[in-house]
Amino acid sequence: MSEEGDTFFVSLTERLLGLLLIIIGAILIYFTAITGGLGAFTLFFGVLSLLFMIIGVFLLLVKPSE
């Protein structure tokens, strides 16, 4: 396979992984907000979900090297 094809699939995988991380982060934020029994772990899961979303947005915005 040529190098152009490899770069295309790496870029596609990077975008899909970023989208997946954003979706997982949004679901985590939703369930963290509606679950009242987390107690001290609410902050932990809130920060973790925001971290997932930030990494996902970063993966969507970054341009891969050519």
N, C-alpha and C. Protein backbone atom coordinates (compact mmCIF):
# COMPACT_ATOMS: atom_id res chain seq x y z
N MET A 1 0.85 -1.18 0.00
CA MET A 1 0.00 0.00 0.00
C MET A 1 0.89 1.24 0.00
N SER A 2 0.47 2.25 -0.66
CA SER A 2 1.27 3.47 -0.76
C SER A 2 1.23 4.25 0.54
N GLU A 3 2.15 5.21 0.64
CA GLU A 3 2.20 6.04 1.83
C GLU A 3 1.00 6.96 1.95
N GLU A 4 0.46 7.41 0.82
CA GLU A 4 -0.72 8.28 0.87
C GLU A 4 -1.91 7.53 1.47
N GLY A 5 -2.06 6.27 1.13
CA GLY A 5 -3.15 5.48 1.70
C GLY A 5 -2.98 5.28 3.19
N ASP A 6 -1.74 5.07 3.61
CA ASP A 6 -1.47 4.92 5.04
C ASP A 6 -1.81 6.19 5.80
N THR A 7 -1.45 7.34 5.26
CA THR A 7 -1.74 8.60 5.94
C THR A 7 -3.24 8.85 6.00
N PHE A 8 -3.96 8.44 4.97
CA PHE A 8 -5.40 8.62 4.98
C PHE A 8 -6.04 7.82 6.11
N PHE A 9 -5.63 6.57 6.25
CA PHE A 9 -6.24 5.73 7.28
C PHE A 9 -5.82 6.14 8.69
N VAL A 10 -4.61 6.64 8.84
CA VAL A 10 -4.18 7.15 10.14
C VAL A 10 -5.00 8.38 10.50
N SER A 11 -5.21 9.27 9.53
CA SER A 11 -6.01 10.47 9.76
C SER A 11 -7.46 10.12 10.07
N LEU A 12 -8.00 9.16 9.34
CA LEU A 12 -9.39 8.73 9.57
C LEU A 12 -9.54 8.11 10.96
N THR A 13 -8.59 7.27 11.34
CA THR A 13 -8.63 6.64 12.65
C THR A 13 -8.52 7.68 13.76
N GLU A 14 -7.67 8.66 13.55
CA GLU A 14 -7.50 9.73 14.53
C GLU A 14 -8.79 10.51 14.71
N ARG A 15 -9.47 10.82 13.62
CA ARG A 15 -10.74 11.56 13.70
C ARG A 15 -11.82 10.72 14.37
N LEU A 16 -11.89 9.44 14.03
CA LEU A 16 -12.91 8.58 14.64
C LEU A 16 -12.65 8.38 16.14
N LEU A 17 -11.40 8.26 16.52
CA LEU A 17 -11.07 8.13 17.94
C LEU A 17 -11.43 9.42 18.69
N GLY A 18 -11.17 10.57 18.07
CA GLY A 18 -11.55 11.84 18.69
C GLY A 18 -13.05 11.96 18.87
N LEU A 19 -13.80 11.56 17.86
CA LEU A 19 -15.26 11.60 17.95
C LEU A 19 -15.77 10.64 19.03
N LEU A 20 -15.16 9.46 19.10
CA LEU A 20 -15.54 8.48 20.12
C LEU A 20 -15.25 9.01 21.52
N LEU A 21 -14.11 9.66 21.71
CA LEU A 21 -13.79 10.22 23.02
C LEU A 21 -14.75 11.34 23.42
N ILE A 22 -15.17 12.15 22.45
CA ILE A 22 -16.14 13.21 22.75
C ILE A 22 -17.48 12.60 23.17
N ILE A 23 -17.90 11.56 22.48
CA ILE A 23 -19.17 10.91 22.83
C ILE A 23 -19.10 10.27 24.21
N ILE A 24 -18.00 9.57 24.50
CA ILE A 24 -17.84 8.94 25.81
C ILE A 24 -17.79 10.01 26.91
N GLY A 25 -17.09 11.11 26.65
CA GLY A 25 -17.03 12.19 27.64
C GLY A 25 -18.39 12.81 27.89
N ALA A 26 -19.18 12.99 26.84
CA ALA A 26 -20.53 13.56 27.01
C ALA A 26 -21.43 12.61 27.81
N ILE A 27 -21.33 11.32 27.54
CA ILE A 27 -22.13 10.35 28.29
C ILE A 27 -21.70 10.32 29.75
N LEU A 28 -20.40 10.40 30.00
CA LEU A 28 -19.91 10.43 31.38
C LEU A 28 -20.39 11.68 32.11
N ILE A 29 -20.35 12.82 31.44
CA ILE A 29 -20.84 14.05 32.08
C ILE A 29 -22.33 13.93 32.41
N TYR A 30 -23.09 13.39 31.49
CA TYR A 30 -24.53 13.23 31.71
C TYR A 30 -24.81 12.33 32.92
N PHE A 31 -24.18 11.16 32.96
CA PHE A 31 -24.44 10.25 34.07
C PHE A 31 -23.85 10.74 35.38
N THR A 32 -22.78 11.50 35.33
CA THR A 32 -22.23 12.09 36.55
C THR A 32 -23.18 13.15 37.10
N ALA A 33 -23.80 13.90 36.21
CA ALA A 33 -24.71 14.97 36.65
C ALA A 33 -26.01 14.41 37.23
N ILE A 34 -26.54 13.32 36.67
CA ILE A 34 -27.83 12.84 37.14
C ILE A 34 -27.72 11.84 38.28
N THR A 35 -26.53 11.32 38.54
CA THR A 35 -26.35 10.34 39.62
C THR A 35 -26.01 11.07 40.91
N GLY A 36 -26.84 10.89 41.90
CA GLY A 36 -26.63 11.58 43.17
C GLY A 36 -25.79 10.79 44.16
N GLY A 37 -25.60 9.50 43.93
CA GLY A 37 -24.92 8.66 44.90
C GLY A 37 -23.43 8.54 44.73
N LEU A 38 -22.81 9.42 43.96
CA LEU A 38 -21.36 9.30 43.76
C LEU A 38 -20.56 9.87 44.91
N GLY A 39 -21.12 10.82 45.60
CA GLY A 39 -20.44 11.39 46.76
C GLY A 39 -19.16 12.11 46.38
N ALA A 40 -18.05 11.66 46.95
CA ALA A 40 -16.76 12.30 46.74
C ALA A 40 -16.21 12.06 45.34
N PHE A 41 -16.76 11.07 44.64
CA PHE A 41 -16.26 10.74 43.31
C PHE A 41 -16.88 11.59 42.20
N THR A 42 -17.80 12.46 42.54
CA THR A 42 -18.43 13.32 41.53
C THR A 42 -17.39 14.21 40.85
N LEU A 43 -16.53 14.81 41.60
CA LEU A 43 -15.48 15.67 41.04
C LEU A 43 -14.53 14.85 40.16
N PHE A 44 -14.17 13.65 40.62
CA PHE A 44 -13.26 12.79 39.86
C PHE A 44 -13.84 12.45 38.49
N PHE A 45 -15.08 11.99 38.46
CA PHE A 45 -15.69 11.61 37.18
C PHE A 45 -16.00 12.83 36.31
N GLY A 46 -16.30 13.96 36.92
CA GLY A 46 -16.51 15.19 36.15
C GLY A 46 -15.23 15.63 35.45
N VAL A 47 -14.12 15.60 36.17
CA VAL A 47 -12.84 15.99 35.58
C VAL A 47 -12.41 14.97 34.52
N LEU A 48 -12.63 13.69 34.79
CA LEU A 48 -12.27 12.65 33.83
C LEU A 48 -13.06 12.78 32.53
N SER A 49 -14.33 13.08 32.64
CA SER A 49 -15.14 13.24 31.43
C SER A 49 -14.74 14.49 30.65
N LEU A 50 -14.43 15.57 31.34
CA LEU A 50 -13.95 16.77 30.65
C LEU A 50 -12.61 16.52 29.96
N LEU A 51 -11.76 15.73 30.60
CA LEU A 51 -10.48 15.39 30.01
C LEU A 51 -10.68 14.58 28.72
N PHE A 52 -11.61 13.63 28.75
CA PHE A 52 -11.92 12.85 27.54
C PHE A 52 -12.39 13.77 26.42
N MET A 53 -13.26 14.71 26.75
CA MET A 53 -13.79 15.60 25.73
C MET A 53 -12.71 16.53 25.18
N ILE A 54 -11.83 17.03 26.02
CA ILE A 54 -10.75 17.90 25.56
C ILE A 54 -9.80 17.15 24.64
N ILE A 55 -9.45 15.93 25.00
CA ILE A 55 -8.57 15.12 24.15
C ILE A 55 -9.26 14.82 22.82
N GLY A 56 -10.57 14.54 22.86
CA GLY A 56 -11.31 14.28 21.63
C GLY A 56 -11.35 15.48 20.71
N VAL A 57 -11.58 16.65 21.25
CA VAL A 57 -11.59 17.87 20.43
C VAL A 57 -10.20 18.13 19.86
N PHE A 58 -9.18 17.89 20.67
CA PHE A 58 -7.81 18.06 20.20
C PHE A 58 -7.52 17.12 19.02
N LEU A 59 -7.96 15.88 19.11
CA LEU A 59 -7.74 14.93 18.02
C LEU A 59 -8.50 15.33 16.76
N LEU A 60 -9.65 15.96 16.92
CA LEU A 60 -10.41 16.40 15.74
C LEU A 60 -9.78 17.63 15.08
N LEU A 61 -9.18 18.50 15.87
CA LEU A 61 -8.67 19.75 15.34
C LEU A 61 -7.25 19.67 14.80
N VAL A 62 -6.46 18.73 15.31
CA VAL A 62 -5.06 18.66 14.94
C VAL A 62 -4.91 18.09 13.52
N LYS A 63 -3.99 18.65 12.76
CA LYS A 63 -3.72 18.14 11.42
C LYS A 63 -2.54 17.18 11.50
N PRO A 64 -2.68 15.97 10.95
CA PRO A 64 -1.56 15.04 10.98
C PRO A 64 -0.45 15.49 10.05
N SER A 65 0.76 15.12 10.40
CA SER A 65 1.89 15.50 9.53
C SER A 65 1.85 14.68 8.24
N GLU A 66 2.31 15.29 7.18
CA GLU A 66 2.27 14.60 5.88
C GLU A 66 3.64 14.14 5.46
